[in-house]
Amino acid sequence: MSDLKNLYRQVIMDHYKTPRNKGLVDDASYKKFHIKNPSCGDDITVQTKVTEGVIEDVKHDGTGCSICCSSASVMSETLKGKKVIEAEGIFSNYYNMIKGKEYDADLDMGDAIVYSGVASFPARVKCATVAWQAAEESIKDE
């Protein structure tokens, strides 16, 4: 395994074993969106708090494979503090990367780059994107 692939695997496993921003809050100022993928069992809920066009906080909770759960953690860290308009560009760029399409490697996506290898495993694309899709839906009207 190449050093880079090994590093990416370590980052994924770190976020899986020690997820950031995990746990939902009982707060009406957060918007919530839930997605369940019955074909593989991934089940994710994402909450976002947007204030004046900025994603102030992101929470997530759910169950699924290591790709799904670690991706939710990475997504939460990546989007926190970003303007909604910036997040929209990040979503599009991330989906392109995951699907093996052309993407902007210079766009700050935090640790999300570690999922670039998912493009080689089409069956795992949904795993890597489900939390991102839930987050995107939760900020849709902001």
N, C-alpha and C. Protein backbone atom coordinates (compact mmCIF):
# COMPACT_ATOMS: atom_id res chain seq x y z
N MET A 1 0.86 -1.19 0.00
CA MET A 1 0.00 0.00 0.00
C MET A 1 0.89 1.24 0.00
N SER A 2 0.58 2.19 -0.82
CA SER A 2 1.38 3.40 -0.90
C SER A 2 1.25 4.19 0.40
N ASP A 3 2.23 5.03 0.65
CA ASP A 3 2.21 5.85 1.87
C ASP A 3 0.98 6.74 1.92
N LEU A 4 0.61 7.32 0.77
CA LEU A 4 -0.54 8.21 0.73
C LEU A 4 -1.84 7.45 1.03
N LYS A 5 -2.01 6.28 0.41
CA LYS A 5 -3.20 5.47 0.68
C LYS A 5 -3.26 5.05 2.14
N ASN A 6 -2.12 4.74 2.70
CA ASN A 6 -2.06 4.36 4.11
C ASN A 6 -2.44 5.53 5.01
N LEU A 7 -1.96 6.72 4.67
CA LEU A 7 -2.32 7.92 5.43
C LEU A 7 -3.82 8.17 5.33
N TYR A 8 -4.38 8.07 4.15
CA TYR A 8 -5.82 8.27 3.96
C TYR A 8 -6.61 7.26 4.79
N ARG A 9 -6.16 6.02 4.79
CA ARG A 9 -6.84 4.98 5.58
C ARG A 9 -6.79 5.32 7.06
N GLN A 10 -5.65 5.81 7.53
CA GLN A 10 -5.51 6.19 8.94
C GLN A 10 -6.47 7.32 9.30
N VAL A 11 -6.59 8.32 8.42
CA VAL A 11 -7.50 9.44 8.68
C VAL A 11 -8.94 8.94 8.74
N ILE A 12 -9.31 8.08 7.80
CA ILE A 12 -10.67 7.52 7.78
C ILE A 12 -10.95 6.76 9.08
N MET A 13 -10.02 5.92 9.48
CA MET A 13 -10.23 5.12 10.70
C MET A 13 -10.23 6.00 11.96
N ASP A 14 -9.45 7.06 11.97
CA ASP A 14 -9.45 7.98 13.11
C ASP A 14 -10.82 8.64 13.25
N HIS A 15 -11.38 9.10 12.13
CA HIS A 15 -12.70 9.74 12.18
C HIS A 15 -13.80 8.73 12.50
N TYR A 16 -13.60 7.47 12.11
CA TYR A 16 -14.58 6.42 12.41
C TYR A 16 -14.56 6.07 13.90
N LYS A 17 -13.36 5.93 14.45
CA LYS A 17 -13.22 5.53 15.86
C LYS A 17 -13.46 6.68 16.82
N THR A 18 -13.13 7.90 16.39
CA THR A 18 -13.29 9.09 17.23
C THR A 18 -14.00 10.17 16.41
N PRO A 19 -15.29 9.99 16.18
CA PRO A 19 -16.01 10.95 15.33
C PRO A 19 -16.12 12.32 15.98
N ARG A 20 -15.97 13.33 15.16
CA ARG A 20 -16.11 14.72 15.61
C ARG A 20 -17.56 15.14 15.42
N ASN A 21 -18.05 15.96 16.33
CA ASN A 21 -19.38 16.57 16.25
C ASN A 21 -20.52 15.54 16.22
N LYS A 22 -20.29 14.38 16.81
CA LYS A 22 -21.32 13.34 16.82
C LYS A 22 -22.27 13.58 17.98
N GLY A 23 -23.54 13.41 17.70
CA GLY A 23 -24.59 13.57 18.71
C GLY A 23 -25.48 14.74 18.34
N LEU A 24 -26.77 14.48 18.35
CA LEU A 24 -27.73 15.52 17.99
C LEU A 24 -28.10 16.34 19.22
N VAL A 25 -28.60 17.55 18.98
CA VAL A 25 -29.00 18.44 20.06
C VAL A 25 -30.50 18.72 19.95
N ASP A 26 -31.09 18.99 21.09
CA ASP A 26 -32.51 19.35 21.14
C ASP A 26 -32.59 20.87 21.14
N ASP A 27 -32.54 21.45 19.94
CA ASP A 27 -32.48 22.90 19.80
C ASP A 27 -33.18 23.27 18.50
N ALA A 28 -34.23 24.03 18.60
CA ALA A 28 -35.05 24.40 17.43
C ALA A 28 -34.30 25.26 16.42
N SER A 29 -33.17 25.83 16.79
CA SER A 29 -32.42 26.66 15.84
C SER A 29 -31.61 25.81 14.85
N TYR A 30 -31.58 24.50 15.06
CA TYR A 30 -30.90 23.59 14.14
C TYR A 30 -31.92 23.00 13.18
N LYS A 31 -31.53 22.87 11.91
CA LYS A 31 -32.36 22.18 10.92
C LYS A 31 -31.83 20.76 10.78
N LYS A 32 -32.74 19.82 10.67
CA LYS A 32 -32.36 18.41 10.67
C LYS A 32 -32.82 17.74 9.38
N PHE A 33 -31.98 16.81 8.89
CA PHE A 33 -32.36 16.01 7.74
C PHE A 33 -31.83 14.59 7.94
N HIS A 34 -32.66 13.61 7.64
CA HIS A 34 -32.34 12.20 7.85
C HIS A 34 -32.35 11.46 6.52
N ILE A 35 -31.36 10.60 6.31
CA ILE A 35 -31.32 9.74 5.13
C ILE A 35 -30.97 8.32 5.58
N LYS A 36 -31.75 7.39 5.07
CA LYS A 36 -31.46 5.97 5.31
C LYS A 36 -31.31 5.29 3.97
N ASN A 37 -30.24 4.53 3.82
CA ASN A 37 -30.00 3.76 2.61
C ASN A 37 -30.31 2.30 2.92
N PRO A 38 -31.51 1.84 2.59
CA PRO A 38 -31.91 0.48 2.95
C PRO A 38 -31.08 -0.62 2.27
N SER A 39 -30.44 -0.30 1.17
CA SER A 39 -29.66 -1.32 0.47
C SER A 39 -28.38 -1.70 1.21
N CYS A 40 -27.85 -0.78 2.03
CA CYS A 40 -26.61 -1.12 2.75
C CYS A 40 -26.71 -0.91 4.26
N GLY A 41 -27.75 -0.24 4.72
CA GLY A 41 -27.94 -0.06 6.16
C GLY A 41 -27.43 1.26 6.71
N ASP A 42 -26.82 2.09 5.89
CA ASP A 42 -26.37 3.40 6.38
C ASP A 42 -27.60 4.22 6.77
N ASP A 43 -27.54 4.84 7.94
CA ASP A 43 -28.67 5.58 8.49
C ASP A 43 -28.11 6.80 9.21
N ILE A 44 -28.25 7.97 8.60
CA ILE A 44 -27.59 9.19 9.11
C ILE A 44 -28.59 10.33 9.25
N THR A 45 -28.46 11.05 10.37
CA THR A 45 -29.19 12.30 10.58
C THR A 45 -28.15 13.40 10.78
N VAL A 46 -28.36 14.50 10.09
CA VAL A 46 -27.46 15.65 10.19
C VAL A 46 -28.26 16.86 10.64
N GLN A 47 -27.70 17.62 11.57
CA GLN A 47 -28.28 18.88 12.01
C GLN A 47 -27.30 20.00 11.69
N THR A 48 -27.83 21.11 11.20
CA THR A 48 -26.99 22.27 10.95
C THR A 48 -27.62 23.51 11.57
N LYS A 49 -26.77 24.37 12.05
CA LYS A 49 -27.22 25.66 12.57
C LYS A 49 -26.56 26.74 11.72
N VAL A 50 -27.39 27.52 11.02
CA VAL A 50 -26.90 28.57 10.15
C VAL A 50 -27.31 29.91 10.73
N THR A 51 -26.34 30.80 10.87
CA THR A 51 -26.59 32.14 11.37
C THR A 51 -26.02 33.15 10.38
N GLU A 52 -26.89 34.00 9.86
CA GLU A 52 -26.49 35.03 8.92
C GLU A 52 -25.66 34.49 7.76
N GLY A 53 -26.11 33.36 7.21
CA GLY A 53 -25.46 32.79 6.04
C GLY A 53 -24.20 31.99 6.30
N VAL A 54 -23.88 31.77 7.58
CA VAL A 54 -22.68 31.01 7.94
C VAL A 54 -23.10 29.75 8.70
N ILE A 55 -22.51 28.63 8.34
CA ILE A 55 -22.79 27.37 9.03
C ILE A 55 -22.04 27.41 10.36
N GLU A 56 -22.78 27.71 11.40
CA GLU A 56 -22.20 27.88 12.72
C GLU A 56 -21.85 26.54 13.37
N ASP A 57 -22.71 25.53 13.15
CA ASP A 57 -22.48 24.23 13.78
C ASP A 57 -23.07 23.13 12.91
N VAL A 58 -22.46 21.95 13.01
CA VAL A 58 -22.94 20.76 12.31
C VAL A 58 -22.84 19.59 13.27
N LYS A 59 -23.92 18.87 13.41
CA LYS A 59 -23.97 17.66 14.24
C LYS A 59 -24.42 16.50 13.37
N HIS A 60 -24.07 15.31 13.76
CA HIS A 60 -24.50 14.12 13.03
C HIS A 60 -24.64 12.95 13.99
N ASP A 61 -25.47 12.02 13.60
CA ASP A 61 -25.61 10.80 14.37
C ASP A 61 -26.18 9.73 13.45
N GLY A 62 -25.83 8.51 13.71
CA GLY A 62 -26.35 7.43 12.91
C GLY A 62 -25.46 6.22 12.95
N THR A 63 -25.79 5.28 12.08
CA THR A 63 -25.04 4.04 12.01
C THR A 63 -24.72 3.74 10.56
N GLY A 64 -23.67 2.97 10.37
CA GLY A 64 -23.28 2.59 9.03
C GLY A 64 -21.86 2.07 9.01
N CYS A 65 -21.35 1.90 7.82
CA CYS A 65 -19.99 1.40 7.64
C CYS A 65 -18.96 2.47 8.01
N SER A 66 -17.71 2.09 8.01
CA SER A 66 -16.64 3.03 8.38
C SER A 66 -16.57 4.21 7.41
N ILE A 67 -16.83 3.97 6.13
CA ILE A 67 -16.79 5.07 5.15
C ILE A 67 -17.91 6.06 5.45
N CYS A 68 -19.10 5.57 5.67
CA CYS A 68 -20.26 6.43 5.94
C CYS A 68 -20.06 7.25 7.22
N CYS A 69 -19.72 6.58 8.30
CA CYS A 69 -19.62 7.27 9.60
C CYS A 69 -18.43 8.22 9.66
N SER A 70 -17.30 7.82 9.11
CA SER A 70 -16.13 8.70 9.13
C SER A 70 -16.37 9.90 8.21
N SER A 71 -17.05 9.68 7.10
CA SER A 71 -17.35 10.76 6.18
C SER A 71 -18.26 11.80 6.84
N ALA A 72 -19.18 11.36 7.67
CA ALA A 72 -20.04 12.30 8.40
C ALA A 72 -19.21 13.18 9.33
N SER A 73 -18.23 12.58 9.98
CA SER A 73 -17.35 13.34 10.87
C SER A 73 -16.52 14.36 10.10
N VAL A 74 -15.95 13.92 8.98
CA VAL A 74 -15.15 14.82 8.14
C VAL A 74 -16.02 15.94 7.59
N MET A 75 -17.22 15.60 7.14
CA MET A 75 -18.15 16.60 6.61
C MET A 75 -18.44 17.66 7.66
N SER A 76 -18.68 17.23 8.89
CA SER A 76 -19.03 18.19 9.95
C SER A 76 -17.89 19.17 10.20
N GLU A 77 -16.67 18.68 10.20
CA GLU A 77 -15.51 19.56 10.40
C GLU A 77 -15.29 20.47 9.19
N THR A 78 -15.50 19.94 8.01
CA THR A 78 -15.26 20.69 6.78
C THR A 78 -16.22 21.86 6.64
N LEU A 79 -17.49 21.66 6.99
CA LEU A 79 -18.50 22.69 6.76
C LEU A 79 -18.60 23.74 7.86
N LYS A 80 -18.20 23.39 9.07
CA LYS A 80 -18.30 24.34 10.18
C LYS A 80 -17.53 25.62 9.88
N GLY A 81 -18.23 26.74 10.02
CA GLY A 81 -17.60 28.04 9.82
C GLY A 81 -17.63 28.54 8.38
N LYS A 82 -18.10 27.70 7.47
CA LYS A 82 -18.17 28.10 6.06
C LYS A 82 -19.47 28.85 5.78
N LYS A 83 -19.42 29.76 4.83
CA LYS A 83 -20.64 30.41 4.35
C LYS A 83 -21.43 29.36 3.56
N VAL A 84 -22.74 29.49 3.57
CA VAL A 84 -23.59 28.54 2.85
C VAL A 84 -23.19 28.47 1.38
N ILE A 85 -22.90 29.61 0.79
CA ILE A 85 -22.51 29.63 -0.62
C ILE A 85 -21.20 28.87 -0.86
N GLU A 86 -20.27 28.95 0.09
CA GLU A 86 -19.03 28.18 -0.01
C GLU A 86 -19.33 26.69 0.10
N ALA A 87 -20.21 26.35 1.02
CA ALA A 87 -20.58 24.94 1.22
C ALA A 87 -21.17 24.34 -0.04
N GLU A 88 -21.97 25.11 -0.75
CA GLU A 88 -22.57 24.61 -1.99
C GLU A 88 -21.49 24.21 -3.00
N GLY A 89 -20.44 25.01 -3.09
CA GLY A 89 -19.32 24.67 -3.97
C GLY A 89 -18.56 23.45 -3.48
N ILE A 90 -18.42 23.33 -2.17
CA ILE A 90 -17.73 22.17 -1.59
C ILE A 90 -18.52 20.89 -1.88
N PHE A 91 -19.85 20.94 -1.70
CA PHE A 91 -20.68 19.76 -2.00
C PHE A 91 -20.44 19.29 -3.43
N SER A 92 -20.57 20.21 -4.37
CA SER A 92 -20.42 19.87 -5.79
C SER A 92 -19.03 19.30 -6.07
N ASN A 93 -18.02 19.92 -5.53
CA ASN A 93 -16.65 19.48 -5.74
C ASN A 93 -16.42 18.09 -5.14
N TYR A 94 -16.94 17.88 -3.94
CA TYR A 94 -16.81 16.59 -3.25
C TYR A 94 -17.49 15.48 -4.07
N TYR A 95 -18.72 15.73 -4.52
CA TYR A 95 -19.44 14.72 -5.30
C TYR A 95 -18.69 14.38 -6.59
N ASN A 96 -18.13 15.39 -7.25
CA ASN A 96 -17.34 15.13 -8.45
C ASN A 96 -16.14 14.25 -8.14
N MET A 97 -15.45 14.56 -7.04
CA MET A 97 -14.28 13.78 -6.64
C MET A 97 -14.67 12.33 -6.36
N ILE A 98 -15.74 12.14 -5.60
CA ILE A 98 -16.19 10.80 -5.22
C ILE A 98 -16.58 9.97 -6.45
N LYS A 99 -17.13 10.64 -7.45
CA LYS A 99 -17.59 9.94 -8.64
C LYS A 99 -16.49 9.81 -9.71
N GLY A 100 -15.29 10.26 -9.39
CA GLY A 100 -14.17 10.14 -10.33
C GLY A 100 -14.20 11.16 -11.44
N LYS A 101 -14.97 12.21 -11.25
CA LYS A 101 -15.04 13.28 -12.25
C LYS A 101 -14.00 14.34 -11.93
N GLU A 102 -13.85 15.29 -12.85
CA GLU A 102 -12.91 16.39 -12.63
C GLU A 102 -13.38 17.24 -11.45
N TYR A 103 -12.44 17.59 -10.58
CA TYR A 103 -12.76 18.43 -9.43
C TYR A 103 -11.59 19.37 -9.15
N ASP A 104 -11.86 20.39 -8.34
CA ASP A 104 -10.86 21.40 -8.01
C ASP A 104 -10.09 20.96 -6.77
N ALA A 105 -8.89 20.45 -6.97
CA ALA A 105 -8.07 19.96 -5.87
C ALA A 105 -7.59 21.10 -4.97
N ASP A 106 -7.67 22.34 -5.45
CA ASP A 106 -7.22 23.48 -4.66
C ASP A 106 -8.30 24.02 -3.72
N LEU A 107 -9.54 23.57 -3.90
CA LEU A 107 -10.63 24.02 -3.03
C LEU A 107 -10.47 23.36 -1.66
N ASP A 108 -10.54 24.16 -0.61
CA ASP A 108 -10.37 23.64 0.75
C ASP A 108 -11.55 22.75 1.13
N MET A 109 -11.30 21.45 1.16
CA MET A 109 -12.31 20.49 1.58
C MET A 109 -11.87 19.74 2.84
N GLY A 110 -10.89 20.29 3.55
CA GLY A 110 -10.42 19.64 4.76
C GLY A 110 -9.92 18.24 4.48
N ASP A 111 -10.26 17.31 5.36
CA ASP A 111 -9.82 15.93 5.20
C ASP A 111 -10.62 15.16 4.16
N ALA A 112 -11.59 15.79 3.51
CA ALA A 112 -12.45 15.08 2.56
C ALA A 112 -11.66 14.45 1.41
N ILE A 113 -10.48 14.94 1.14
CA ILE A 113 -9.66 14.39 0.06
C ILE A 113 -9.36 12.90 0.28
N VAL A 114 -9.42 12.45 1.53
CA VAL A 114 -9.11 11.05 1.82
C VAL A 114 -10.11 10.09 1.17
N TYR A 115 -11.25 10.61 0.72
CA TYR A 115 -12.27 9.75 0.09
C TYR A 115 -12.12 9.72 -1.43
N SER A 116 -11.07 10.29 -1.97
CA SER A 116 -10.87 10.32 -3.42
C SER A 116 -10.79 8.92 -4.00
N GLY A 117 -10.30 7.98 -3.25
CA GLY A 117 -10.18 6.60 -3.72
C GLY A 117 -11.50 5.88 -3.86
N VAL A 118 -12.55 6.42 -3.29
CA VAL A 118 -13.88 5.80 -3.37
C VAL A 118 -14.34 5.69 -4.82
N ALA A 119 -13.87 6.59 -5.66
CA ALA A 119 -14.26 6.55 -7.08
C ALA A 119 -13.95 5.20 -7.72
N SER A 120 -12.97 4.49 -7.17
CA SER A 120 -12.61 3.16 -7.69
C SER A 120 -13.56 2.07 -7.23
N PHE A 121 -14.46 2.41 -6.31
CA PHE A 121 -15.40 1.44 -5.74
C PHE A 121 -16.82 2.00 -5.83
N PRO A 122 -17.45 1.92 -7.00
CA PRO A 122 -18.77 2.53 -7.21
C PRO A 122 -19.82 2.15 -6.16
N ALA A 123 -19.73 0.95 -5.63
CA ALA A 123 -20.71 0.52 -4.62
C ALA A 123 -20.58 1.31 -3.32
N ARG A 124 -19.45 1.99 -3.12
CA ARG A 124 -19.22 2.74 -1.88
C ARG A 124 -19.50 4.23 -2.02
N VAL A 125 -19.84 4.68 -3.22
CA VAL A 125 -20.11 6.11 -3.45
C VAL A 125 -21.23 6.59 -2.53
N LYS A 126 -22.31 5.85 -2.43
CA LYS A 126 -23.43 6.24 -1.57
C LYS A 126 -22.96 6.33 -0.11
N CYS A 127 -22.11 5.41 0.31
CA CYS A 127 -21.60 5.43 1.69
C CYS A 127 -20.86 6.73 1.99
N ALA A 128 -20.07 7.17 1.03
CA ALA A 128 -19.25 8.36 1.22
C ALA A 128 -20.02 9.66 1.05
N THR A 129 -21.22 9.59 0.47
CA THR A 129 -21.96 10.83 0.19
C THR A 129 -23.23 11.01 1.02
N VAL A 130 -23.71 9.99 1.69
CA VAL A 130 -25.01 10.08 2.36
C VAL A 130 -25.06 11.20 3.41
N ALA A 131 -24.04 11.35 4.23
CA ALA A 131 -24.04 12.43 5.23
C ALA A 131 -23.93 13.80 4.57
N TRP A 132 -23.17 13.88 3.50
CA TRP A 132 -23.02 15.13 2.76
C TRP A 132 -24.35 15.54 2.15
N GLN A 133 -25.09 14.56 1.62
CA GLN A 133 -26.40 14.85 1.05
C GLN A 133 -27.38 15.33 2.12
N ALA A 134 -27.32 14.72 3.30
CA ALA A 134 -28.19 15.15 4.39
C ALA A 134 -27.86 16.59 4.82
N ALA A 135 -26.57 16.89 4.90
CA ALA A 135 -26.15 18.25 5.25
C ALA A 135 -26.60 19.25 4.19
N GLU A 136 -26.43 18.87 2.94
CA GLU A 136 -26.83 19.75 1.83
C GLU A 136 -28.34 20.06 1.92
N GLU A 137 -29.12 19.03 2.18
CA GLU A 137 -30.58 19.23 2.31
C GLU A 137 -30.92 20.11 3.51
N SER A 138 -30.17 19.97 4.59
CA SER A 138 -30.48 20.73 5.81
C SER A 138 -30.20 22.22 5.68
N ILE A 139 -29.35 22.61 4.72
CA ILE A 139 -29.07 24.05 4.53
C ILE A 139 -29.71 24.60 3.25
N LYS A 140 -30.51 23.79 2.60
CA LYS A 140 -31.06 24.13 1.29
C LYS A 140 -31.76 25.48 1.24
N ASP A 141 -32.52 25.81 2.22
CA ASP A 141 -33.31 27.05 2.20
C ASP A 141 -32.62 28.24 2.87
N GLU A 142 -31.37 28.08 3.18
CA GLU A 142 -30.65 29.17 3.88
C GLU A 142 -30.13 30.19 2.89
